[in-house]
Amino acid sequence: YRAYRILADAPRSNVRSMAMGLVHLRGKATGEPLVSPLTRTRCFAYVCRIQSYVKVRTKGSTRWEWQDVSGDDDIRHFYIDDGTGRVRVNPIQPDVMQLEMQRTFFCEIGKDGHFKSVKAVDGFPAPTEEAVWSYVNGAHSRKLLERVFEMMGERGKKAKAAMETTLKVIGGAQKLQAMAPSFEVSWSSNDDKLRVIEECFPAESNCVVLGTCTENPD
């Protein structure tokens, strides 16, 4: 509750007159943006998810649900400009990241490469079947975590090493699980289509930033 009161009582500041410490700013997100892979939206962060409807069976229960099977994401520093000046915003912090992402595209595409349904979003150009199918069959990588580790500096290197160690442990646990008769986890698809979803934090968006003002190391 104490932390909540500190955040709730943080007064709105101007970039020109803000002080070191906790600041509360409102302005427009500017800078050198990324380009999202499907709608080609200029943005400072995007997440693309490819989902399949799969059966998740564990000991004692079975359920069907949409699960991410592949995807891509990226994020970049931006500036907030409120008319009195501009300041660089680092959207990645070691313990929290909250960006207001906006859905820019959603479709269900068959495994034959043709749309089953499309939900285009006003203001964002919908990609063609060929573009989406090419993306689905392309090479995807999770770049966001790498960018997070890079922005965190030395702490990021330690976090990355810890994550790699965890993945090795998980891999060993999965091997043990495969050998142990008391555990059962199986996956199978019950659908002839995939979901493809893109979400972005568009450039030139009006936004509110609540964070800690520190000296720019650059």
Protein backbone atom coordinates (compact mmCIF):
# COMPACT_ATOMS: atom_id res chain seq x y z
CA TYR A 1 0.00 0.00 0.00
CA ARG A 2 2.89 2.33 0.77
CA ALA A 3 4.35 1.73 -2.72
CA TYR A 4 0.90 2.32 -4.24
CA ARG A 5 0.54 5.66 -2.42
CA ILE A 6 3.97 6.80 -3.60
CA LEU A 7 3.04 6.05 -7.22
CA ALA A 8 -0.48 7.47 -6.97
CA ASP A 9 0.77 10.71 -5.41
CA ALA A 10 3.58 11.30 -7.92
CA PRO A 11 2.79 14.76 -9.41
CA ARG A 12 2.79 15.35 -13.16
CA SER A 13 6.04 17.00 -14.29
CA ASN A 14 7.32 18.72 -17.41
CA VAL A 15 10.44 17.41 -19.10
CA ARG A 16 12.01 20.86 -18.84
CA SER A 17 11.58 21.07 -15.05
CA MET A 18 11.73 17.43 -13.91
CA ALA A 19 14.07 16.50 -11.08
CA MET A 20 16.09 13.38 -10.40
CA GLY A 21 14.06 10.59 -8.84
CA LEU A 22 10.47 9.46 -9.41
CA VAL A 23 8.83 11.37 -12.28
CA HIS A 24 5.41 11.30 -13.94
CA LEU A 25 5.36 12.54 -17.56
CA ARG A 26 2.84 12.76 -20.39
CA GLY A 27 3.85 13.29 -24.00
CA LYS A 28 4.37 11.78 -27.43
CA ALA A 29 6.64 8.80 -28.10
CA THR A 30 9.26 9.83 -30.68
CA GLY A 31 12.61 8.60 -31.96
CA GLU A 32 13.93 6.07 -34.47
CA PRO A 33 11.26 3.36 -34.59
CA LEU A 34 11.22 -0.32 -35.45
CA VAL A 35 8.99 -1.73 -38.20
CA SER A 36 6.62 -4.55 -37.26
CA PRO A 37 6.90 -7.69 -39.43
CA LEU A 38 3.25 -8.07 -40.55
CA THR A 39 1.53 -4.67 -40.80
CA ARG A 40 4.82 -2.76 -41.23
CA THR A 41 3.78 -0.42 -38.41
CA ARG A 42 6.36 2.09 -37.16
CA CYS A 43 6.65 1.25 -33.46
CA PHE A 44 8.97 1.04 -30.48
CA ALA A 45 7.93 -2.48 -29.50
CA TYR A 46 6.09 -5.33 -31.16
CA VAL A 47 5.07 -8.88 -30.35
CA CYS A 48 3.96 -11.39 -33.01
CA ARG A 49 2.51 -14.70 -31.84
CA ILE A 50 1.69 -17.84 -33.80
CA GLN A 51 -0.72 -20.09 -31.91
CA SER A 52 -2.05 -23.62 -32.38
CA TYR A 53 -5.06 -25.26 -30.69
CA VAL A 54 -3.54 -28.16 -28.80
CA LYS A 55 -4.49 -30.81 -26.29
CA VAL A 56 -2.62 -30.54 -23.00
CA ARG A 57 -2.80 -33.80 -21.11
CA THR A 58 -1.36 -34.17 -17.65
CA LYS A 59 -1.97 -36.92 -15.12
CA GLY A 60 -5.60 -36.70 -14.12
CA SER A 61 -6.76 -33.97 -16.54
CA THR A 62 -7.02 -33.07 -20.20
CA ARG A 63 -7.88 -29.73 -21.78
CA TRP A 64 -7.74 -27.99 -25.15
CA GLU A 65 -6.28 -24.50 -25.42
CA TRP A 66 -4.53 -22.09 -27.76
CA GLN A 67 -0.79 -22.17 -27.18
CA ASP A 68 2.03 -20.05 -28.61
CA VAL A 69 4.13 -22.24 -30.87
CA SER A 70 6.37 -19.59 -32.41
CA GLY A 71 6.76 -15.85 -32.72
CA ASP A 72 8.99 -12.83 -32.73
CA ASP A 73 9.36 -9.66 -30.68
CA ASP A 74 11.59 -6.63 -30.32
CA ILE A 75 11.80 -3.40 -28.34
CA ARG A 76 13.72 -0.14 -28.57
CA HIS A 77 14.47 2.98 -26.54
CA PHE A 78 12.29 5.97 -27.37
CA TYR A 79 11.93 9.62 -26.37
CA ILE A 80 8.93 11.25 -24.73
CA ASP A 81 8.30 14.81 -25.94
CA ASP A 82 5.82 16.98 -24.03
CA GLY A 83 6.43 20.27 -25.84
CA THR A 84 8.82 21.62 -23.18
CA GLY A 85 11.59 19.20 -24.12
CA ARG A 86 12.28 15.53 -24.65
CA VAL A 87 13.95 12.80 -22.61
CA ARG A 88 15.02 9.27 -23.46
CA VAL A 89 12.89 6.49 -22.01
CA ASN A 90 14.40 3.09 -21.26
CA PRO A 91 11.32 0.82 -21.36
CA ILE A 92 13.24 -2.07 -19.81
CA GLN A 93 13.87 -2.28 -16.09
CA PRO A 94 15.32 -5.26 -14.21
CA ASP A 95 12.08 -6.00 -12.35
CA VAL A 96 9.22 -4.59 -14.45
CA MET A 97 8.18 -3.79 -18.00
CA GLN A 98 4.72 -2.44 -18.78
CA LEU A 99 3.97 -1.06 -22.23
CA GLU A 100 0.49 -0.31 -23.55
CA MET A 101 0.49 -2.62 -26.57
CA GLN A 102 -2.18 -2.23 -29.25
CA ARG A 103 -3.41 -5.10 -31.39
CA THR A 104 -2.72 -4.31 -35.04
CA PHE A 105 -3.67 -7.59 -36.73
CA PHE A 106 -5.40 -10.91 -36.01
CA CYS A 107 -6.17 -13.80 -38.33
CA GLU A 108 -6.79 -17.51 -38.45
CA ILE A 109 -4.92 -19.09 -41.33
CA GLY A 110 -5.35 -22.66 -42.53
CA LYS A 111 -2.49 -25.06 -42.86
CA ASP A 112 -3.06 -24.77 -46.62
CA GLY A 113 -1.94 -21.12 -46.44
CA HIS A 114 -5.40 -19.53 -46.91
CA PHE A 115 -7.20 -17.23 -44.47
CA LYS A 116 -10.04 -18.79 -42.46
CA SER A 117 -10.87 -15.42 -40.90
CA VAL A 118 -9.25 -11.98 -40.69
CA LYS A 119 -9.83 -9.18 -38.19
CA ALA A 120 -8.10 -6.11 -39.56
CA VAL A 121 -7.69 -3.09 -37.26
CA ASP A 122 -8.66 0.40 -38.44
CA GLY A 123 -5.60 2.48 -39.23
CA PHE A 124 -3.28 -0.47 -39.83
CA PRO A 125 -2.84 -2.14 -43.24
CA ALA A 126 -3.67 -5.84 -43.21
CA PRO A 127 -0.99 -8.11 -44.70
CA THR A 128 -1.79 -10.48 -47.56
CA GLU A 129 -2.22 -14.25 -47.26
CA GLU A 130 1.16 -14.70 -48.89
CA ALA A 131 2.86 -12.38 -46.38
CA VAL A 132 1.31 -14.09 -43.35
CA TRP A 133 2.01 -17.60 -44.65
CA SER A 134 5.59 -16.62 -45.41
CA TYR A 135 5.93 -15.30 -41.86
CA VAL A 136 4.40 -18.47 -40.37
CA ASN A 137 6.90 -20.60 -42.25
CA GLY A 138 9.84 -18.29 -41.67
CA ALA A 139 12.53 -18.47 -39.02
CA HIS A 140 11.39 -16.88 -35.75
CA SER A 141 13.53 -15.90 -32.83
CA ARG A 142 12.88 -14.42 -29.42
CA LYS A 143 14.91 -11.21 -29.56
CA LEU A 144 13.22 -9.42 -26.67
CA LEU A 145 15.05 -11.27 -23.90
CA GLU A 146 18.38 -10.65 -25.58
CA ARG A 147 17.57 -6.92 -25.76
CA VAL A 148 16.54 -6.92 -22.10
CA PHE A 149 19.82 -8.52 -21.06
CA GLU A 150 21.76 -6.04 -23.21
CA MET A 151 20.03 -3.03 -21.64
CA MET A 152 20.63 -4.36 -18.12
CA GLY A 153 24.41 -4.40 -18.58
CA GLU A 154 26.29 -6.49 -16.00
CA ARG A 155 23.06 -7.52 -14.30
CA GLY A 156 21.83 -8.68 -17.69
CA LYS A 157 24.85 -10.91 -18.17
CA LYS A 158 24.20 -12.56 -14.81
CA ALA A 159 20.48 -12.91 -15.58
CA LYS A 160 21.25 -14.49 -18.94
CA ALA A 161 23.66 -16.96 -17.34
CA ALA A 162 21.02 -17.82 -14.73
CA MET A 163 18.41 -18.34 -17.45
CA GLU A 164 20.70 -20.64 -19.43
CA THR A 165 21.36 -22.66 -16.27
CA THR A 166 17.62 -22.87 -15.62
CA LEU A 167 16.97 -24.09 -19.15
CA LYS A 168 19.55 -26.83 -18.69
CA VAL A 169 17.83 -27.87 -15.45
CA ILE A 170 14.45 -27.83 -17.19
CA GLY A 171 15.88 -29.92 -20.02
CA GLY A 172 17.18 -32.46 -17.53
CA ALA A 173 13.82 -32.53 -15.73
CA GLN A 174 12.04 -33.16 -19.03
CA LYS A 175 14.34 -36.12 -19.74
CA LEU A 176 13.60 -37.53 -16.30
CA GLN A 177 9.90 -36.94 -16.85
CA ALA A 178 10.05 -38.84 -20.12
CA MET A 179 11.55 -41.82 -18.30
CA ALA A 180 9.25 -41.73 -15.27
CA PRO A 181 5.94 -43.61 -15.65
CA SER A 182 4.24 -41.45 -12.99
CA PHE A 183 4.26 -38.39 -15.27
CA GLU A 184 2.48 -37.95 -18.58
CA VAL A 185 2.45 -34.83 -20.77
CA SER A 186 1.37 -35.05 -24.37
CA TRP A 187 0.58 -32.54 -27.13
CA SER A 188 -1.55 -32.97 -30.22
CA SER A 189 -3.40 -30.60 -32.54
CA ASN A 190 -7.17 -30.63 -33.01
CA ASP A 191 -7.39 -27.88 -35.61
CA ASP A 192 -6.56 -27.25 -39.23
CA LYS A 193 -5.72 -23.60 -38.67
CA LEU A 194 -3.31 -21.36 -36.78
CA ARG A 195 -3.82 -18.00 -35.10
CA VAL A 196 -1.46 -15.15 -35.98
CA ILE A 197 -1.54 -12.06 -33.76
CA GLU A 198 0.49 -8.85 -33.92
CA GLU A 199 0.59 -6.19 -31.19
CA CYS A 200 2.57 -2.94 -31.27
CA PHE A 201 3.44 0.15 -29.28
CA PRO A 202 3.12 2.61 -32.22
CA ALA A 203 5.48 5.51 -32.77
CA GLU A 204 4.03 9.00 -32.22
CA SER A 205 1.61 7.57 -29.64
CA ASN A 206 0.51 9.73 -26.74
CA CYS A 207 1.62 8.02 -23.56
CA VAL A 208 2.14 8.43 -19.84
CA VAL A 209 5.47 7.46 -18.29
CA LEU A 210 6.04 6.83 -14.60
CA GLY A 211 9.63 6.00 -13.80
CA THR A 212 12.93 6.99 -12.26
CA CYS A 213 14.89 9.89 -13.73
CA THR A 214 18.64 9.27 -13.68
CA GLU A 215 21.68 10.59 -15.52
CA ASN A 216 21.90 9.42 -19.12
CA PRO A 217 25.04 7.24 -19.29
CA ASP A 218 25.54 8.27 -22.95
